[in-house]
Amino acid sequence: MLVGSLLQYLPKPTQELPPSSQGKVIKVTDGDSITILSARNEKVRVRLTGIDAPESDQPFGEESKNSLASMLSDKEVKIETNKTDRYGRVLGKVWVQPSDCVTCGKTLNVNHAQILSGMAWWYRQYANDQSAEDQGRYESAEDEARKRKWGLWSEPNPVAPWDWRRGTRNTAQLNAGCGSKKSCREMTNYSGTEN
């Protein structure tokens, strides 16, 4: 009985979209979330898959949101989706017409563009939800942005959003005592000194 009454407080799912849908972006929430007005005139919240952008209160959070807004605000988009998340948002790959090509269709993968410009991380935790092709593209995009120090990679120690949400605000806290390892996660036995 208690479980049944608690269910009313869970987030309600938004309207589901067909696997490939069109809509107009009416809101950019942050660097990886938007709201569209669907062809059925319904507001649908969309979380861009395969990426995780800095939180609003995190370095590059505002820049990431502005980057996404510059590509999507008031634009018609195509969403490729097959599921929703626990917050009721549609999870999708977002496509838009590139601003520099008026004869092109919706050929710009916005999720990929956010990673390549250094405005989001490739969300490896959910890599299995992506095609092998997208995994390779997103990983390469992040590697390129890191190498060129674009966007958030211009910071000496950028903190991944998943660590930021857990309260870790400084990569020095994550990597203290890791020696030559890239992160403490590469170590098999973390004791504050390198293995």
C-alpha atoms as a PDB file:
ATOM      1  CA  MET A   1       0.000   0.000   0.000  1.00  0.00           C
ATOM      2  CA  LEU A   2       2.812   2.424   0.905  1.00  0.00           C
ATOM      3  CA  VAL A   3       4.653   1.694  -2.371  1.00  0.00           C
ATOM      4  CA  GLY A   4       1.503   2.412  -4.358  1.00  0.00           C
ATOM      5  CA  SER A   5       1.016   5.771  -2.664  1.00  0.00           C
ATOM      6  CA  LEU A   6       4.667   6.715  -3.181  1.00  0.00           C
ATOM      7  CA  LEU A   7       4.446   6.055  -6.927  1.00  0.00           C
ATOM      8  CA  GLN A   8       2.381   9.206  -7.366  1.00  0.00           C
ATOM      9  CA  TYR A   9       5.454  11.269  -6.448  1.00  0.00           C
ATOM     10  CA  LEU A  10       7.721   9.792  -9.117  1.00  0.00           C
ATOM     11  CA  PRO A  11       8.329  11.981 -12.176  1.00  0.00           C
ATOM     12  CA  LYS A  12       5.728  11.427 -14.861  1.00  0.00           C
ATOM     13  CA  PRO A  13       7.082  10.434 -18.285  1.00  0.00           C
ATOM     14  CA  THR A  14       6.845  13.040 -20.992  1.00  0.00           C
ATOM     15  CA  GLN A  15       5.111  12.283 -24.250  1.00  0.00           C
ATOM     16  CA  GLU A  16       7.043   9.588 -26.087  1.00  0.00           C
ATOM     17  CA  LEU A  17       8.282  10.229 -29.595  1.00  0.00           C
ATOM     18  CA  PRO A  18       8.415   7.847 -32.542  1.00  0.00           C
ATOM     19  CA  PRO A  19      11.964   6.543 -33.277  1.00  0.00           C
ATOM     20  CA  SER A  20      12.577   9.461 -35.632  1.00  0.00           C
ATOM     21  CA  SER A  21      10.687  12.687 -34.971  1.00  0.00           C
ATOM     22  CA  GLN A  22      10.797  16.332 -35.943  1.00  0.00           C
ATOM     23  CA  GLY A  23      10.200  19.334 -33.723  1.00  0.00           C
ATOM     24  CA  LYS A  24      11.181  22.903 -32.979  1.00  0.00           C
ATOM     25  CA  VAL A  25      13.529  23.681 -30.093  1.00  0.00           C
ATOM     26  CA  ILE A  26      11.747  26.013 -27.679  1.00  0.00           C
ATOM     27  CA  LYS A  27      14.149  25.789 -24.720  1.00  0.00           C
ATOM     28  CA  VAL A  28      17.774  24.921 -24.081  1.00  0.00           C
ATOM     29  CA  THR A  29      17.981  23.837 -20.442  1.00  0.00           C
ATOM     30  CA  ASP A  30      21.724  23.196 -20.274  1.00  0.00           C
ATOM     31  CA  GLY A  31      24.509  21.760 -22.427  1.00  0.00           C
ATOM     32  CA  ASP A  32      22.802  18.385 -22.914  1.00  0.00           C
ATOM     33  CA  SER A  33      19.048  18.984 -22.443  1.00  0.00           C
ATOM     34  CA  ILE A  34      16.421  20.735 -24.563  1.00  0.00           C
ATOM     35  CA  THR A  35      12.659  21.030 -24.896  1.00  0.00           C
ATOM     36  CA  ILE A  36      11.032  20.743 -28.298  1.00  0.00           C
ATOM     37  CA  LEU A  37       7.555  21.421 -29.576  1.00  0.00           C
ATOM     38  CA  SER A  38       6.618  18.259 -31.451  1.00  0.00           C
ATOM     39  CA  ALA A  39       4.651  18.033 -34.684  1.00  0.00           C
ATOM     40  CA  ARG A  40       1.645  17.186 -32.458  1.00  0.00           C
ATOM     41  CA  ASN A  41       2.146  20.533 -30.672  1.00  0.00           C
ATOM     42  CA  GLU A  42       3.337  18.841 -27.454  1.00  0.00           C
ATOM     43  CA  LYS A  43       6.280  19.966 -25.344  1.00  0.00           C
ATOM     44  CA  VAL A  44       8.821  17.159 -25.091  1.00  0.00           C
ATOM     45  CA  ARG A  45      11.946  17.238 -22.933  1.00  0.00           C
ATOM     46  CA  VAL A  46      14.964  15.668 -24.645  1.00  0.00           C
ATOM     47  CA  ARG A  47      18.261  14.557 -23.082  1.00  0.00           C
ATOM     48  CA  LEU A  48      21.061  14.285 -25.647  1.00  0.00           C
ATOM     49  CA  THR A  49      22.446  10.740 -25.568  1.00  0.00           C
ATOM     50  CA  GLY A  50      26.099   9.792 -25.418  1.00  0.00           C
ATOM     51  CA  ILE A  51      27.220  13.065 -23.837  1.00  0.00           C
ATOM     52  CA  ASP A  52      27.394  14.664 -20.409  1.00  0.00           C
ATOM     53  CA  ALA A  53      27.813  18.430 -20.291  1.00  0.00           C
ATOM     54  CA  PRO A  54      29.110  20.466 -17.348  1.00  0.00           C
ATOM     55  CA  GLU A  55      26.506  21.335 -14.722  1.00  0.00           C
ATOM     56  CA  SER A  56      25.215  24.923 -14.614  1.00  0.00           C
ATOM     57  CA  ASP A  57      27.267  25.771 -11.508  1.00  0.00           C
ATOM     58  CA  GLN A  58      30.368  24.067 -12.898  1.00  0.00           C
ATOM     59  CA  PRO A  59      33.157  25.698 -14.954  1.00  0.00           C
ATOM     60  CA  PHE A  60      32.035  25.757 -18.610  1.00  0.00           C
ATOM     61  CA  GLY A  61      28.421  25.007 -17.633  1.00  0.00           C
ATOM     62  CA  GLU A  62      27.146  28.298 -19.034  1.00  0.00           C
ATOM     63  CA  GLU A  63      29.441  28.103 -22.074  1.00  0.00           C
ATOM     64  CA  SER A  64      28.168  24.601 -22.849  1.00  0.00           C
ATOM     65  CA  LYS A  65      24.543  25.755 -22.632  1.00  0.00           C
ATOM     66  CA  ASN A  66      25.322  28.743 -24.875  1.00  0.00           C
ATOM     67  CA  SER A  67      27.050  26.475 -27.392  1.00  0.00           C
ATOM     68  CA  LEU A  68      24.009  24.229 -27.597  1.00  0.00           C
ATOM     69  CA  ALA A  69      21.679  27.236 -27.796  1.00  0.00           C
ATOM     70  CA  SER A  70      23.692  28.716 -30.671  1.00  0.00           C
ATOM     71  CA  MET A  71      23.141  25.520 -32.658  1.00  0.00           C
ATOM     72  CA  LEU A  72      19.530  24.842 -31.687  1.00  0.00           C
ATOM     73  CA  SER A  73      17.490  27.792 -30.395  1.00  0.00           C
ATOM     74  CA  ASP A  74      14.286  28.181 -32.424  1.00  0.00           C
ATOM     75  CA  LYS A  75      15.540  25.618 -34.952  1.00  0.00           C
ATOM     76  CA  GLU A  76      13.758  22.631 -36.438  1.00  0.00           C
ATOM     77  CA  VAL A  77      15.455  19.393 -35.369  1.00  0.00           C
ATOM     78  CA  LYS A  78      15.222  15.675 -35.960  1.00  0.00           C
ATOM     79  CA  ILE A  79      15.403  13.424 -32.910  1.00  0.00           C
ATOM     80  CA  GLU A  80      16.459   9.767 -33.155  1.00  0.00           C
ATOM     81  CA  THR A  81      15.260   8.001 -30.026  1.00  0.00           C
ATOM     82  CA  ASN A  82      14.300   4.641 -28.617  1.00  0.00           C
ATOM     83  CA  LYS A  83      13.832   5.246 -24.889  1.00  0.00           C
ATOM     84  CA  THR A  84      13.195   7.645 -22.035  1.00  0.00           C
ATOM     85  CA  ASP A  85      15.159   8.155 -18.828  1.00  0.00           C
ATOM     86  CA  ARG A  86      13.992   7.915 -15.228  1.00  0.00           C
ATOM     87  CA  TYR A  87      13.021  11.606 -15.316  1.00  0.00           C
ATOM     88  CA  GLY A  88      10.682  11.068 -18.247  1.00  0.00           C
ATOM     89  CA  ARG A  89      12.949  12.783 -20.766  1.00  0.00           C
ATOM     90  CA  VAL A  90      13.257  11.360 -24.257  1.00  0.00           C
ATOM     91  CA  LEU A  91      16.822  10.159 -24.829  1.00  0.00           C
ATOM     92  CA  GLY A  92      17.945  11.035 -28.297  1.00  0.00           C
ATOM     93  CA  LYS A  93      20.480  11.920 -30.903  1.00  0.00           C
ATOM     94  CA  VAL A  94      19.665  15.418 -32.168  1.00  0.00           C
ATOM     95  CA  TRP A  95      20.196  16.496 -35.777  1.00  0.00           C
ATOM     96  CA  VAL A  96      19.987  20.053 -37.133  1.00  0.00           C
ATOM     97  CA  GLN A  97      20.752  21.827 -40.394  1.00  0.00           C
ATOM     98  CA  PRO A  98      24.299  23.261 -40.186  1.00  0.00           C
ATOM     99  CA  SER A  99      24.197  27.069 -40.031  1.00  0.00           C
ATOM    100  CA  ASP A 100      26.815  27.337 -42.797  1.00  0.00           C
ATOM    101  CA  CYS A 101      24.916  25.172 -45.321  1.00  0.00           C
ATOM    102  CA  VAL A 102      21.503  26.414 -46.377  1.00  0.00           C
ATOM    103  CA  THR A 103      21.069  23.582 -48.886  1.00  0.00           C
ATOM    104  CA  CYS A 104      21.907  20.811 -46.410  1.00  0.00           C
ATOM    105  CA  GLY A 105      19.256  18.918 -44.541  1.00  0.00           C
ATOM    106  CA  LYS A 106      19.509  18.066 -40.859  1.00  0.00           C
ATOM    107  CA  THR A 107      22.997  16.599 -41.163  1.00  0.00           C
ATOM    108  CA  LEU A 108      24.769  17.995 -38.081  1.00  0.00           C
ATOM    109  CA  ASN A 109      24.853  15.549 -35.154  1.00  0.00           C
ATOM    110  CA  VAL A 110      24.574  18.039 -32.296  1.00  0.00           C
ATOM    111  CA  ASN A 111      25.593  15.517 -29.610  1.00  0.00           C
ATOM    112  CA  HIS A 112      28.868  14.883 -31.465  1.00  0.00           C
ATOM    113  CA  ALA A 113      29.378  18.627 -32.087  1.00  0.00           C
ATOM    114  CA  GLN A 114      29.117  19.375 -28.358  1.00  0.00           C
ATOM    115  CA  ILE A 115      31.891  16.859 -27.640  1.00  0.00           C
ATOM    116  CA  LEU A 116      34.116  17.981 -30.513  1.00  0.00           C
ATOM    117  CA  SER A 117      33.886  21.649 -29.463  1.00  0.00           C
ATOM    118  CA  GLY A 118      34.915  20.721 -25.920  1.00  0.00           C
ATOM    119  CA  MET A 119      31.515  21.521 -24.443  1.00  0.00           C
ATOM    120  CA  ALA A 120      30.719  17.994 -23.211  1.00  0.00           C
ATOM    121  CA  TRP A 121      32.301  14.699 -22.306  1.00  0.00           C
ATOM    122  CA  TRP A 122      31.596  11.477 -24.134  1.00  0.00           C
ATOM    123  CA  TYR A 123      29.414   9.623 -21.597  1.00  0.00           C
ATOM    124  CA  ARG A 124      31.317   6.323 -21.604  1.00  0.00           C
ATOM    125  CA  GLN A 125      29.115   4.899 -18.863  1.00  0.00           C
ATOM    126  CA  TYR A 126      26.343   4.607 -21.473  1.00  0.00           C
ATOM    127  CA  ALA A 127      28.518   3.594 -24.433  1.00  0.00           C
ATOM    128  CA  ASN A 128      26.702   0.254 -24.742  1.00  0.00           C
ATOM    129  CA  ASP A 129      23.533   2.206 -25.616  1.00  0.00           C
ATOM    130  CA  GLN A 130      25.316   3.571 -28.704  1.00  0.00           C
ATOM    131  CA  SER A 131      26.203   1.977 -32.008  1.00  0.00           C
ATOM    132  CA  ALA A 132      29.854   0.990 -32.442  1.00  0.00           C
ATOM    133  CA  GLU A 133      30.099   3.741 -35.062  1.00  0.00           C
ATOM    134  CA  ASP A 134      28.870   6.420 -32.635  1.00  0.00           C
ATOM    135  CA  GLN A 135      31.136   5.098 -29.887  1.00  0.00           C
ATOM    136  CA  GLY A 136      34.141   5.526 -32.180  1.00  0.00           C
ATOM    137  CA  ARG A 137      33.076   8.981 -33.368  1.00  0.00           C
ATOM    138  CA  TYR A 138      32.341  10.294 -29.880  1.00  0.00           C
ATOM    139  CA  GLU A 139      35.556   8.908 -28.422  1.00  0.00           C
ATOM    140  CA  SER A 140      37.602  10.407 -31.290  1.00  0.00           C
ATOM    141  CA  ALA A 141      35.823  13.749 -30.881  1.00  0.00           C
ATOM    142  CA  GLU A 142      36.683  13.878 -27.193  1.00  0.00           C
ATOM    143  CA  ASP A 143      40.301  12.893 -27.892  1.00  0.00           C
ATOM    144  CA  GLU A 144      40.570  15.674 -30.506  1.00  0.00           C
ATOM    145  CA  ALA A 145      39.043  18.305 -28.215  1.00  0.00           C
ATOM    146  CA  ARG A 146      41.395  17.264 -25.378  1.00  0.00           C
ATOM    147  CA  LYS A 147      44.448  17.318 -27.643  1.00  0.00           C
ATOM    148  CA  ARG A 148      43.603  20.787 -28.992  1.00  0.00           C
ATOM    149  CA  LYS A 149      42.511  22.081 -25.565  1.00  0.00           C
ATOM    150  CA  TRP A 150      39.151  23.221 -26.891  1.00  0.00           C
ATOM    151  CA  GLY A 151      36.430  24.367 -24.515  1.00  0.00           C
ATOM    152  CA  LEU A 152      36.499  22.738 -21.099  1.00  0.00           C
ATOM    153  CA  TRP A 153      39.766  21.005 -22.008  1.00  0.00           C
ATOM    154  CA  SER A 154      41.503  24.412 -21.832  1.00  0.00           C
ATOM    155  CA  GLU A 155      41.212  24.075 -18.044  1.00  0.00           C
ATOM    156  CA  PRO A 156      44.198  22.404 -16.360  1.00  0.00           C
ATOM    157  CA  ASN A 157      42.044  19.859 -14.479  1.00  0.00           C
ATOM    158  CA  PRO A 158      38.463  19.721 -15.763  1.00  0.00           C
ATOM    159  CA  VAL A 159      36.090  17.780 -13.512  1.00  0.00           C
ATOM    160  CA  ALA A 160      33.653  15.428 -15.208  1.00  0.00           C
ATOM    161  CA  PRO A 161      29.989  16.222 -14.502  1.00  0.00           C
ATOM    162  CA  TRP A 162      29.375  12.813 -12.890  1.00  0.00           C
ATOM    163  CA  ASP A 163      32.155  13.584 -10.384  1.00  0.00           C
ATOM    164  CA  TRP A 164      30.850  17.140  -9.898  1.00  0.00           C
ATOM    165  CA  ARG A 165      27.380  15.817  -9.066  1.00  0.00           C
ATOM    166  CA  ARG A 166      28.924  13.527  -6.440  1.00  0.00           C
ATOM    167  CA  GLY A 167      30.489  16.565  -4.817  1.00  0.00           C
ATOM    168  CA  THR A 168      34.051  16.197  -6.103  1.00  0.00           C
ATOM    169  CA  ARG A 169      34.942  19.688  -7.252  1.00  0.00           C
ATOM    170  CA  ASN A 170      38.640  19.265  -7.911  1.00  0.00           C
ATOM    171  CA  THR A 171      40.429  16.571  -9.917  1.00  0.00           C
ATOM    172  CA  ALA A 172      43.344  16.918  -7.524  1.00  0.00           C
ATOM    173  CA  GLN A 173      41.040  15.238  -4.975  1.00  0.00           C
ATOM    174  CA  LEU A 174      40.450  12.417  -7.434  1.00  0.00           C
ATOM    175  CA  ASN A 175      44.047  12.007  -8.516  1.00  0.00           C
ATOM    176  CA  ALA A 176      45.930  12.727  -5.277  1.00  0.00           C
ATOM    177  CA  GLY A 177      48.735  10.265  -4.959  1.00  0.00           C
ATOM    178  CA  CYS A 178      48.070   8.536  -8.283  1.00  0.00           C
ATOM    179  CA  GLY A 179      51.594   9.095  -9.563  1.00  0.00           C
ATOM    180  CA  SER A 180      51.870   8.567 -13.314  1.00  0.00           C
ATOM    181  CA  LYS A 181      48.387   7.030 -13.617  1.00  0.00           C
ATOM    182  CA  LYS A 182      45.816   9.169 -15.464  1.00  0.00           C
ATOM    183  CA  SER A 183      43.315   8.593 -12.663  1.00  0.00           C
ATOM    184  CA  CYS A 184      42.974   6.615  -9.482  1.00  0.00           C
ATOM    185  CA  ARG A 185      40.527   4.338 -11.317  1.00  0.00           C
ATOM    186  CA  GLU A 186      43.502   2.934 -13.275  1.00  0.00           C
ATOM    187  CA  MET A 187      45.014   1.690 -10.059  1.00  0.00           C
ATOM    188  CA  THR A 188      44.124  -1.733  -8.724  1.00  0.00           C
ATOM    189  CA  ASN A 189      44.867  -0.883  -5.102  1.00  0.00           C
ATOM    190  CA  TYR A 190      44.587   2.784  -4.114  1.00  0.00           C
ATOM    191  CA  SER A 191      46.557   3.546  -0.983  1.00  0.00           C
ATOM    192  CA  GLY A 192      47.719   7.052  -1.751  1.00  0.00           C
ATOM    193  CA  THR A 193      50.902   5.830  -3.433  1.00  0.00           C
ATOM    194  CA  GLU A 194      51.422   4.446  -6.908  1.00  0.00           C
ATOM    195  CA  ASN A 195      51.313   0.666  -7.414  1.00  0.00           C
END
